Amino acid sequence: MIWNELGVSGGTALIVLCALYFVIKWAVRNGICEAHARMNGEKGWLGNAWGKLLSEEPASGPEQPSR
């Protein structure tokens, strides 16, 4: 088979294919949830994170003594 030509055993190929299946399934599910939230006018987790990051006031440095 093609797996033997690549140097991959059957068990390793099965594990890799299963892992790939679950990663793609997770990515599609998160994409659908994000799109659904955007259609309802809600911000997704990434939008909320950027909003919190940008709304924080910049940290001020050490205070300079007045002369």
Protein backbone atom coordinates (compact mmCIF):
# COMPACT_ATOMS: atom_id res chain seq x y z
CA MET A 1 0.00 0.00 0.00
CA ILE A 2 0.95 3.64 -0.18
CA TRP A 3 1.46 3.77 3.62
CA ASN A 4 4.28 1.21 3.40
CA GLU A 5 5.99 3.24 0.68
CA LEU A 6 5.87 6.27 2.99
CA GLY A 7 7.25 4.26 5.90
CA VAL A 8 4.13 4.53 8.05
CA SER A 9 2.55 1.49 9.69
CA GLY A 10 -1.18 0.89 9.65
CA GLY A 11 -1.67 1.67 13.34
CA THR A 12 0.17 4.97 13.07
CA ALA A 13 -1.83 5.92 10.00
CA LEU A 14 -5.08 5.15 11.83
CA ILE A 15 -4.08 7.33 14.80
CA VAL A 16 -3.06 10.21 12.53
CA LEU A 17 -6.29 10.02 10.55
CA CYS A 18 -8.39 9.94 13.74
CA ALA A 19 -6.55 12.94 15.16
CA LEU A 20 -6.98 14.82 11.88
CA TYR A 21 -10.71 14.01 11.90
CA PHE A 22 -11.22 15.43 15.39
CA VAL A 23 -9.15 18.56 14.71
CA ILE A 24 -11.17 19.34 11.58
CA LYS A 25 -14.43 18.59 13.42
CA TRP A 26 -13.44 20.97 16.24
CA ALA A 27 -12.47 23.74 13.80
CA VAL A 28 -15.70 23.45 11.81
CA ARG A 29 -17.84 23.46 14.96
CA ASN A 30 -16.08 26.57 16.30
CA GLY A 31 -16.43 28.29 12.93
CA ILE A 32 -20.15 27.59 12.83
CA CYS A 33 -20.60 28.88 16.40
CA GLU A 34 -18.63 32.04 15.58
CA ALA A 35 -20.68 32.67 12.42
CA HIS A 36 -23.94 32.10 14.33
CA ALA A 37 -22.89 34.57 17.01
CA ARG A 38 -21.99 37.19 14.37
CA MET A 39 -25.36 36.76 12.64
CA ASN A 40 -27.07 37.43 15.97
CA GLY A 41 -25.02 40.58 16.50
CA GLU A 42 -22.89 39.12 19.28
CA LYS A 43 -19.15 39.28 19.42
CA GLY A 44 -17.26 36.02 19.40
CA TRP A 45 -14.55 35.09 21.86
CA LEU A 46 -11.88 36.74 19.72
CA GLY A 47 -13.84 39.98 19.42
CA ASN A 48 -14.44 40.04 23.17
CA ALA A 49 -10.75 39.46 23.86
CA TRP A 50 -9.71 42.31 21.53
CA GLY A 51 -12.37 44.57 23.04
CA LYS A 52 -11.08 43.95 26.54
CA LEU A 53 -7.49 44.40 25.44
CA LEU A 54 -8.17 47.69 23.65
CA SER A 55 -10.42 49.11 26.39
CA GLU A 56 -7.78 48.77 29.10
CA GLU A 57 -5.94 51.93 29.91
CA PRO A 58 -2.24 51.84 29.14
CA ALA A 59 -0.04 51.16 32.11
CA SER A 60 1.70 54.29 33.24
CA GLY A 61 5.41 54.19 33.85
CA PRO A 62 7.11 55.20 37.07
CA GLU A 63 6.12 58.63 38.20
CA GLN A 64 8.60 61.39 37.60
CA PRO A 65 9.33 63.60 40.61
CA SER A 66 8.29 67.22 40.13
CA ARG A 67 11.05 69.83 40.23
